[in-house]
C-alpha atoms as a PDB file:
ATOM      1  CA  MET A   1     -39.126  12.297 -22.842  1.00  0.00           C
ATOM      2  CA  ASN A   2     -37.574  15.630 -24.538  1.00  0.00           C
ATOM      3  CA  ARG A   3     -38.693  19.007 -23.328  1.00  0.00           C
ATOM      4  CA  PHE A   4     -38.792  21.946 -24.887  1.00  0.00           C
ATOM      5  CA  PHE A   5     -38.572  25.215 -22.721  1.00  0.00           C
ATOM      6  CA  ILE A   6     -39.574  28.642 -24.265  1.00  0.00           C
ATOM      7  CA  PHE A   7     -38.218  31.769 -22.593  1.00  0.00           C
ATOM      8  CA  LEU A   8     -40.512  34.607 -22.974  1.00  0.00           C
ATOM      9  CA  PHE A   9     -38.744  37.970 -22.328  1.00  0.00           C
ATOM     10  CA  VAL A  10     -41.012  40.616 -21.292  1.00  0.00           C
ATOM     11  CA  PRO A  11     -39.178  43.808 -20.310  1.00  0.00           C
ATOM     12  CA  LEU A  12     -42.018  45.738 -19.129  1.00  0.00           C
ATOM     13  CA  LEU A  13     -42.594  43.274 -16.507  1.00  0.00           C
ATOM     14  CA  GLY A  14     -39.280  44.113 -14.961  1.00  0.00           C
ATOM     15  CA  LEU A  15     -38.604  40.458 -13.709  1.00  0.00           C
ATOM     16  CA  ASN A  16     -35.236  39.844 -12.364  1.00  0.00           C
ATOM     17  CA  CYS A  17     -33.461  36.580 -12.914  1.00  0.00           C
ATOM     18  CA  SER A  18     -30.357  35.239 -11.217  1.00  0.00           C
ATOM     19  CA  ASP A  19     -28.321  32.427 -12.163  1.00  0.00           C
ATOM     20  CA  GLU A  20     -27.267  29.944  -9.302  1.00  0.00           C
ATOM     21  CA  LEU A  21     -24.105  28.887  -9.383  1.00  0.00           C
ATOM     22  CA  GLU A  22     -22.722  25.459  -7.737  1.00  0.00           C
ATOM     23  CA  ALA A  23     -19.686  26.098  -5.446  1.00  0.00           C
ATOM     24  CA  PRO A  24     -16.632  24.327  -6.967  1.00  0.00           C
ATOM     25  CA  ILE A  25     -15.390  21.029  -5.061  1.00  0.00           C
ATOM     26  CA  ASP A  26     -12.831  21.346  -2.447  1.00  0.00           C
ATOM     27  CA  GLU A  27     -10.287  18.323  -3.721  1.00  0.00           C
ATOM     28  CA  ASP A  28      -8.225  18.426  -1.168  1.00  0.00           C
ATOM     29  CA  SER A  29     -10.978  17.965   1.408  1.00  0.00           C
ATOM     30  CA  TYR A  30     -12.936  15.506  -0.599  1.00  0.00           C
ATOM     31  CA  GLY A  31      -9.400  13.478  -0.315  1.00  0.00           C
ATOM     32  CA  TYR A  32      -9.090  12.838  -4.005  1.00  0.00           C
ATOM     33  CA  SER A  33      -5.532  13.121  -3.607  1.00  0.00           C
ATOM     34  CA  TYR A  34      -5.784   9.248  -1.999  1.00  0.00           C
ATOM     35  CA  TYR A  35      -6.925   8.003  -5.293  1.00  0.00           C
ATOM     36  CA  PRO A  36      -4.748  10.065  -7.698  1.00  0.00           C
ATOM     37  CA  LEU A  37      -4.706   8.843 -11.630  1.00  0.00           C
ATOM     38  CA  LYS A  38      -2.664   9.938 -14.549  1.00  0.00           C
ATOM     39  CA  VAL A  39      -1.018   8.390 -17.504  1.00  0.00           C
ATOM     40  CA  GLY A  40       2.294   7.439 -16.685  1.00  0.00           C
ATOM     41  CA  GLN A  41       2.176   6.666 -13.350  1.00  0.00           C
ATOM     42  CA  THR A  42       4.151   3.734 -12.205  1.00  0.00           C
ATOM     43  CA  ARG A  43       3.852   1.861  -8.858  1.00  0.00           C
ATOM     44  CA  ILE A  44       6.108  -1.409  -7.931  1.00  0.00           C
ATOM     45  CA  TYR A  45       5.152  -3.512  -5.118  1.00  0.00           C
ATOM     46  CA  ARG A  46       6.645  -6.441  -3.078  1.00  0.00           C
ATOM     47  CA  ILE A  47       3.916  -9.128  -2.635  1.00  0.00           C
ATOM     48  CA  ASP A  48       4.390 -12.056  -0.218  1.00  0.00           C
ATOM     49  CA  SER A  49       2.263 -14.480  -0.668  1.00  0.00           C
ATOM     50  CA  LEU A  50       0.927 -17.985   0.917  1.00  0.00           C
ATOM     51  CA  GLN A  51      -1.255 -20.401  -0.930  1.00  0.00           C
ATOM     52  CA  PHE A  52      -3.300 -23.003   0.614  1.00  0.00           C
ATOM     53  CA  ASP A  53      -4.429 -26.441  -0.474  1.00  0.00           C
ATOM     54  CA  ILE A  54      -5.405 -30.122   0.233  1.00  0.00           C
ATOM     55  CA  GLY A  55      -2.418 -32.409  -0.357  1.00  0.00           C
ATOM     56  CA  LEU A  56      -1.940 -36.154   0.368  1.00  0.00           C
ATOM     57  CA  GLY A  57      -3.923 -37.555   3.027  1.00  0.00           C
ATOM     58  CA  GLY A  58      -6.162 -34.580   3.174  1.00  0.00           C
ATOM     59  CA  LEU A  59      -4.029 -32.854   4.813  1.00  0.00           C
ATOM     60  CA  PRO A  60      -3.371 -29.129   4.493  1.00  0.00           C
ATOM     61  CA  ILE A  61      -0.516 -27.775   2.859  1.00  0.00           C
ATOM     62  CA  HIS A  62       0.772 -24.014   1.568  1.00  0.00           C
ATOM     63  CA  ASP A  63       3.439 -22.731  -0.636  1.00  0.00           C
ATOM     64  CA  SER A  64       4.936 -19.395  -0.150  1.00  0.00           C
ATOM     65  CA  THR A  65       6.432 -16.905  -2.684  1.00  0.00           C
ATOM     66  CA  THR A  66       7.925 -13.497  -3.025  1.00  0.00           C
ATOM     67  CA  PHE A  67       7.886 -11.344  -6.197  1.00  0.00           C
ATOM     68  CA  TYR A  68       7.348  -7.563  -7.405  1.00  0.00           C
ATOM     69  CA  LEU A  69       4.364  -6.367  -9.093  1.00  0.00           C
ATOM     70  CA  LYS A  70       4.511  -3.319 -11.285  1.00  0.00           C
ATOM     71  CA  GLU A  71       1.160  -1.199 -12.107  1.00  0.00           C
ATOM     72  CA  GLU A  72       1.581   1.065 -15.018  1.00  0.00           C
ATOM     73  CA  ILE A  73      -1.110   3.407 -16.219  1.00  0.00           C
ATOM     74  CA  LYS A  74      -0.624   3.068 -19.832  1.00  0.00           C
ATOM     75  CA  GLU A  75      -3.956   4.907 -21.442  1.00  0.00           C
ATOM     76  CA  LEU A  76      -6.960   6.941 -20.586  1.00  0.00           C
ATOM     77  CA  SER A  77     -10.356   6.822 -22.199  1.00  0.00           C
ATOM     78  CA  ILE A  78     -14.092   7.614 -21.270  1.00  0.00           C
ATOM     79  CA  ASP A  79     -16.571   4.722 -19.782  1.00  0.00           C
ATOM     80  CA  LEU A  80     -20.086   4.466 -19.996  1.00  0.00           C
ATOM     81  CA  GLU A  81     -20.936   6.755 -17.489  1.00  0.00           C
ATOM     82  CA  GLY A  82     -18.580   9.658 -18.734  1.00  0.00           C
ATOM     83  CA  ASN A  83     -15.953   9.087 -16.202  1.00  0.00           C
ATOM     84  CA  ASP A  84     -12.204   9.035 -16.914  1.00  0.00           C
ATOM     85  CA  LEU A  85     -11.175   5.543 -17.173  1.00  0.00           C
ATOM     86  CA  TYR A  86      -7.150   4.448 -17.058  1.00  0.00           C
ATOM     87  CA  ARG A  87      -5.903   1.313 -18.345  1.00  0.00           C
ATOM     88  CA  VAL A  88      -3.365  -0.464 -16.050  1.00  0.00           C
ATOM     89  CA  GLU A  89      -0.752  -2.680 -17.403  1.00  0.00           C
ATOM     90  CA  ARG A  90       0.308  -5.231 -14.738  1.00  0.00           C
ATOM     91  CA  SER A  91       3.828  -7.143 -14.702  1.00  0.00           C
ATOM     92  CA  ARG A  92       5.506  -9.230 -12.424  1.00  0.00           C
ATOM     93  CA  SER A  93       9.450 -10.274 -11.588  1.00  0.00           C
ATOM     94  CA  ASP A  94      11.363 -11.838  -9.044  1.00  0.00           C
ATOM     95  CA  LYS A  95      13.518  -9.045  -8.515  1.00  0.00           C
ATOM     96  CA  GLN A  96      12.595  -5.000  -8.204  1.00  0.00           C
ATOM     97  CA  THR A  97      14.974  -4.247 -10.731  1.00  0.00           C
ATOM     98  CA  GLY A  98      13.252  -6.516 -13.294  1.00  0.00           C
ATOM     99  CA  PRO A  99      12.859  -7.903 -16.277  1.00  0.00           C
ATOM    100  CA  TYR A 100       9.236  -7.773 -15.721  1.00  0.00           C
ATOM    101  CA  THR A 101       6.707  -9.669 -17.737  1.00  0.00           C
ATOM    102  CA  ALA A 102       3.447  -8.161 -18.501  1.00  0.00           C
ATOM    103  CA  PHE A 103       0.577 -10.858 -17.235  1.00  0.00           C
ATOM    104  CA  ASP A 104      -2.720  -8.969 -17.343  1.00  0.00           C
ATOM    105  CA  VAL A 105      -4.694  -5.600 -17.585  1.00  0.00           C
ATOM    106  CA  MET A 106      -6.912  -3.740 -14.737  1.00  0.00           C
ATOM    107  CA  THR A 107      -8.834  -0.542 -14.758  1.00  0.00           C
ATOM    108  CA  ARG A 108      -9.049   2.252 -12.354  1.00  0.00           C
ATOM    109  CA  SER A 109     -11.583   5.430 -12.343  1.00  0.00           C
ATOM    110  CA  ARG A 110     -12.929   7.641 -10.118  1.00  0.00           C
ATOM    111  CA  SER A 111     -16.492   9.753 -10.235  1.00  0.00           C
ATOM    112  CA  THR A 112     -17.105  12.899  -7.711  1.00  0.00           C
ATOM    113  CA  ASN A 113     -18.052  10.393  -5.373  1.00  0.00           C
ATOM    114  CA  GLN A 114     -16.324   7.134  -5.373  1.00  0.00           C
ATOM    115  CA  GLY A 115     -13.019   5.657  -6.600  1.00  0.00           C
ATOM    116  CA  TYR A 116     -13.231   2.334  -8.744  1.00  0.00           C
ATOM    117  CA  SER A 117     -11.061  -0.683  -9.346  1.00  0.00           C
ATOM    118  CA  THR A 118     -11.838  -3.408 -11.800  1.00  0.00           C
ATOM    119  CA  GLU A 119      -9.737  -6.586 -11.907  1.00  0.00           C
ATOM    120  CA  ASN A 120     -10.803  -9.713 -14.124  1.00  0.00           C
ATOM    121  CA  ASN A 121     -14.277  -8.378 -14.440  1.00  0.00           C
ATOM    122  CA  ILE A 122     -14.578  -7.629 -10.655  1.00  0.00           C
ATOM    123  CA  ARG A 123     -15.296  -4.135  -9.699  1.00  0.00           C
ATOM    124  CA  LEU A 124     -14.762  -2.687  -6.378  1.00  0.00           C
ATOM    125  CA  ILE A 125     -15.675   0.561  -4.787  1.00  0.00           C
ATOM    126  CA  ASN A 126     -12.056   1.492  -3.028  1.00  0.00           C
ATOM    127  CA  LEU A 127     -12.965   4.698  -1.906  1.00  0.00           C
ATOM    128  CA  ILE A 128     -16.023   7.030  -0.946  1.00  0.00           C
ATOM    129  CA  PHE A 129     -15.488  11.061  -1.456  1.00  0.00           C
ATOM    130  CA  PRO A 130     -15.177  12.758   0.934  1.00  0.00           C
ATOM    131  CA  VAL A 131     -12.822  10.224   2.452  1.00  0.00           C
ATOM    132  CA  GLU A 132     -13.852  10.307   6.260  1.00  0.00           C
ATOM    133  CA  LYS A 133     -13.218   7.967   9.334  1.00  0.00           C
ATOM    134  CA  ASN A 134     -16.051   5.981  10.127  1.00  0.00           C
ATOM    135  CA  LYS A 135     -17.535   5.733   6.879  1.00  0.00           C
ATOM    136  CA  ILE A 136     -19.133   2.798   5.790  1.00  0.00           C
ATOM    137  CA  TRP A 137     -20.285   1.455   2.285  1.00  0.00           C
ATOM    138  CA  LYS A 138     -20.999  -1.616  -0.111  1.00  0.00           C
ATOM    139  CA  GLY A 139     -17.712  -1.944  -1.835  1.00  0.00           C
ATOM    140  CA  THR A 140     -18.961  -4.926  -3.574  1.00  0.00           C
ATOM    141  CA  SER A 141     -22.396  -3.434  -4.794  1.00  0.00           C
ATOM    142  CA  PHE A 142     -21.555  -4.315  -8.497  1.00  0.00           C
ATOM    143  CA  ILE A 143     -20.885  -7.600  -7.942  1.00  0.00           C
ATOM    144  CA  ASN A 144     -22.445 -10.837  -6.538  1.00  0.00           C
ATOM    145  CA  ASP A 145     -20.455 -11.153  -3.007  1.00  0.00           C
ATOM    146  CA  GLN A 146     -20.594 -15.025  -3.411  1.00  0.00           C
ATOM    147  CA  ILE A 147     -18.965 -14.840  -6.672  1.00  0.00           C
ATOM    148  CA  ILE A 148     -16.322 -17.732  -6.902  1.00  0.00           C
ATOM    149  CA  VAL A 149     -12.639 -17.189  -7.379  1.00  0.00           C
ATOM    150  CA  PHE A 150     -10.329 -20.113  -7.756  1.00  0.00           C
ATOM    151  CA  VAL A 151      -6.993 -20.506  -6.245  1.00  0.00           C
ATOM    152  CA  ARG A 152      -4.771 -23.619  -7.023  1.00  0.00           C
ATOM    153  CA  GLY A 153      -7.514 -24.572  -8.936  1.00  0.00           C
ATOM    154  CA  GLU A 154      -9.867 -24.453  -6.066  1.00  0.00           C
ATOM    155  CA  SER A 155     -13.034 -22.213  -5.526  1.00  0.00           C
ATOM    156  CA  ILE A 156     -13.647 -19.977  -2.737  1.00  0.00           C
ATOM    157  CA  GLU A 157     -16.287 -17.289  -1.999  1.00  0.00           C
ATOM    158  CA  MET A 158     -13.470 -14.602  -1.788  1.00  0.00           C
ATOM    159  CA  PHE A 159     -16.206 -11.769  -1.181  1.00  0.00           C
ATOM    160  CA  LYS A 160     -18.046 -13.095   1.200  1.00  0.00           C
ATOM    161  CA  GLY A 161     -19.349 -10.880   3.789  1.00  0.00           C
ATOM    162  CA  TRP A 162     -17.287  -7.541   2.775  1.00  0.00           C
ATOM    163  CA  GLU A 163     -18.186  -4.420   4.159  1.00  0.00           C
ATOM    164  CA  PHE A 164     -15.882  -1.414   3.596  1.00  0.00           C
ATOM    165  CA  GLU A 165     -14.808   1.057   6.634  1.00  0.00           C
ATOM    166  CA  VAL A 166     -12.641   4.000   6.717  1.00  0.00           C
ATOM    167  CA  LEU A 167     -10.580   3.176  10.111  1.00  0.00           C
ATOM    168  CA  GLU A 168      -8.510   6.046  10.123  1.00  0.00           C
ATOM    169  CA  GLU A 169      -7.774   9.266   7.886  1.00  0.00           C
ATOM    170  CA  GLY A 170      -5.135  11.906   7.573  1.00  0.00           C
ATOM    171  CA  VAL A 171      -2.690  10.122  10.019  1.00  0.00           C
ATOM    172  CA  SER A 172       1.138   9.746   9.936  1.00  0.00           C
ATOM    173  CA  GLU A 173       2.534   6.010   9.225  1.00  0.00           C
ATOM    174  CA  GLN A 174       5.698   4.234   8.887  1.00  0.00           C
ATOM    175  CA  ILE A 175       5.047   1.510   6.243  1.00  0.00           C
ATOM    176  CA  GLY A 176       8.086  -0.897   5.229  1.00  0.00           C
ATOM    177  CA  ASP A 177      11.050   1.285   5.064  1.00  0.00           C
ATOM    178  CA  LYS A 178       8.740   4.444   4.373  1.00  0.00           C
ATOM    179  CA  SER A 179       6.869   7.093   6.421  1.00  0.00           C
ATOM    180  CA  TYR A 180       3.993   8.623   5.054  1.00  0.00           C
ATOM    181  CA  SER A 181       2.469  11.974   6.296  1.00  0.00           C
ATOM    182  CA  GLU A 182      -1.094  11.189   5.581  1.00  0.00           C
ATOM    183  CA  ILE A 183      -2.570   7.984   5.379  1.00  0.00           C
ATOM    184  CA  ALA A 184      -6.260   6.854   5.041  1.00  0.00           C
ATOM    185  CA  THR A 185      -6.973   3.038   6.042  1.00  0.00           C
ATOM    186  CA  VAL A 186      -9.881   1.163   4.891  1.00  0.00           C
ATOM    187  CA  ARG A 187     -11.190  -2.065   6.292  1.00  0.00           C
ATOM    188  CA  GLN A 188     -12.591  -3.870   3.488  1.00  0.00           C
ATOM    189  CA  ALA A 189     -13.459  -7.336   5.226  1.00  0.00           C
ATOM    190  CA  ASP A 190     -12.798  -8.784   8.827  1.00  0.00           C
ATOM    191  CA  THR A 191     -14.836 -12.068   9.660  1.00  0.00           C
ATOM    192  CA  ASP A 192     -13.643 -14.873  11.346  1.00  0.00           C
ATOM    193  CA  ASN A 193     -15.481 -18.239  12.381  1.00  0.00           C
ATOM    194  CA  PRO A 194     -14.128 -21.779  12.759  1.00  0.00           C
ATOM    195  CA  PHE A 195     -14.533 -22.539   9.127  1.00  0.00           C
ATOM    196  CA  GLU A 196     -14.167 -19.428   7.054  1.00  0.00           C
ATOM    197  CA  LYS A 197     -11.856 -16.215   7.507  1.00  0.00           C
ATOM    198  CA  ARG A 198     -12.443 -12.930   5.446  1.00  0.00           C
ATOM    199  CA  TYR A 199      -9.975  -9.958   5.773  1.00  0.00           C
ATOM    200  CA  SER A 200      -8.647  -7.489   3.735  1.00  0.00           C
ATOM    201  CA  ILE A 201      -7.221  -3.916   4.441  1.00  0.00           C
ATOM    202  CA  GLU A 202      -6.259  -1.039   2.214  1.00  0.00           C
ATOM    203  CA  LYS A 203      -3.741   1.948   3.030  1.00  0.00           C
ATOM    204  CA  TYR A 204      -3.804   4.949   0.474  1.00  0.00           C
ATOM    205  CA  ALA A 205      -1.183   7.714   1.023  1.00  0.00           C
ATOM    206  CA  LYS A 206      -1.984  11.275  -0.123  1.00  0.00           C
ATOM    207  CA  GLU A 207      -0.617  11.873  -3.806  1.00  0.00           C
ATOM    208  CA  ILE A 208       0.671   8.282  -4.062  1.00  0.00           C
ATOM    209  CA  GLY A 209      -2.475   6.204  -3.786  1.00  0.00           C
ATOM    210  CA  LEU A 210      -2.506   2.479  -2.453  1.00  0.00           C
ATOM    211  CA  VAL A 211       0.829   1.840  -0.501  1.00  0.00           C
ATOM    212  CA  TYR A 212      -0.358  -1.238   1.439  1.00  0.00           C
ATOM    213  CA  ARG A 213      -2.689  -4.378   0.743  1.00  0.00           C
ATOM    214  CA  GLU A 214      -3.275  -7.444   3.016  1.00  0.00           C
ATOM    215  CA  ARG A 215      -5.538  -9.939   2.465  1.00  0.00           C
ATOM    216  CA  GLN A 216      -6.610 -13.704   4.439  1.00  0.00           C
ATOM    217  CA  ILE A 217      -8.885 -15.373   2.231  1.00  0.00           C
ATOM    218  CA  VAL A 218      -8.853 -18.924   3.434  1.00  0.00           C
ATOM    219  CA  ASP A 219     -11.287 -21.653   4.365  1.00  0.00           C
ATOM    220  CA  SER A 220     -10.193 -24.432   6.675  1.00  0.00           C
ATOM    221  CA  ASN A 221      -9.765 -27.766   5.913  1.00  0.00           C
ATOM    222  CA  CYS A 222     -12.192 -28.987   8.155  1.00  0.00           C
ATOM    223  CA  LYS A 223     -14.825 -27.266   6.437  1.00  0.00           C
ATOM    224  CA  TYR A 224     -14.662 -29.736   3.682  1.00  0.00           C
ATOM    225  CA  LEU A 225     -14.131 -32.742   6.269  1.00  0.00           C
ATOM    226  CA  GLY A 226     -17.498 -31.720   7.561  1.00  0.00           C
ATOM    227  CA  ASP A 227     -16.252 -31.647  10.947  1.00  0.00           C
ATOM    228  CA  ASN A 228     -14.283 -29.174  12.686  1.00  0.00           C
ATOM    229  CA  ALA A 229     -12.825 -31.140  15.599  1.00  0.00           C
ATOM    230  CA  ALA A 230      -9.370 -31.508  14.244  1.00  0.00           C
ATOM    231  CA  CYS A 231      -9.077 -27.965  13.682  1.00  0.00           C
ATOM    232  CA  VAL A 232     -10.133 -26.997  17.147  1.00  0.00           C
ATOM    233  CA  GLY A 233      -7.090 -24.767  18.455  1.00  0.00           C
ATOM    234  CA  LEU A 234      -4.999 -24.514  15.328  1.00  0.00           C
ATOM    235  CA  GLU A 235      -3.925 -21.234  14.037  1.00  0.00           C
ATOM    236  CA  TRP A 236      -5.409 -20.444  10.028  1.00  0.00           C
ATOM    237  CA  ILE A 237      -1.668 -20.881   8.730  1.00  0.00           C
ATOM    238  CA  GLU A 238      -1.844 -24.620  10.228  1.00  0.00           C
ATOM    239  CA  LYS A 239      -5.536 -25.332   9.277  1.00  0.00           C
ATOM    240  CA  ALA A 240      -6.218 -23.365   6.224  1.00  0.00           C
ATOM    241  CA  GLY A 241      -7.331 -25.970   3.465  1.00  0.00           C
ATOM    242  CA  ARG A 242      -8.086 -23.329   0.576  1.00  0.00           C
ATOM    243  CA  GLY A 243      -7.344 -19.753  -0.059  1.00  0.00           C
ATOM    244  CA  PHE A 244      -4.570 -17.321   0.415  1.00  0.00           C
ATOM    245  CA  PHE A 245      -2.746 -14.736   2.742  1.00  0.00           C
ATOM    246  CA  THR A 246      -0.868 -11.755   0.879  1.00  0.00           C
ATOM    247  CA  ARG A 247       0.859  -8.395   1.899  1.00  0.00           C
ATOM    248  CA  GLU A 248       1.720  -5.989  -0.486  1.00  0.00           C
ATOM    249  CA  ILE A 249       4.035  -3.038   0.268  1.00  0.00           C
ATOM    250  CA  LEU A 250       4.767   0.103  -2.228  1.00  0.00           C
ATOM    251  CA  VAL A 251       8.424  -0.042  -2.803  1.00  0.00           C
ATOM    252  CA  ASP A 252       8.838   2.330  -5.679  1.00  0.00           C
ATOM    253  CA  HIS A 253       6.788   5.145  -7.433  1.00  0.00           C
ATOM    254  CA  ASN A 254       7.257   8.081 -10.005  1.00  0.00           C
END
């Protein structure tokens, strides 16, 4: 509905009017620097990955691989909500020095109160501003958390039971061979039962962004056998029949 406001100026009444201005946001106290976005930014991560499957005889197997992932912010546009939307080109290589081969594109964006990422049409709320310890939110609120993803051709409910929480904020930490003075740690998921494990954690450094991610998204082989007896006492690396473990560590950035 359109509304039209008519202002009548009547000097003889001596009315006093004053404008109320909102105080500017203190970007440092909000923690925006944990999620910096700028065209030209480049990040390189070392990825250690295990992917699980069911092999011959119905026994679980896994393959391991290590590679390097480069993320480059290539372009800035405006999304439907009026926020800056950054196009991130991703490429991979077996060596940190390259050459790198592009394989997909994702986006990142930030509003006054939230930091987002969209990958393979899955939009997550990675951070809530201001960034504060013990803050909890539904980071998967834009998706059905029972959405199916595929690993080695097998389906798994990757986002089942996810709930985001800031575990630490503003603490120093050594990650790999790098030291950071201010880290925010966000636990995205941490559930574990005889048939399923969902674990995901991210760490953000001020003025840099994401510096570490670890995920363990697995279903046990016994879940698909319908009997947990054969899996009792086994570690997840022994009994996982679907899913993956990954560890991502920032090794270079500009």
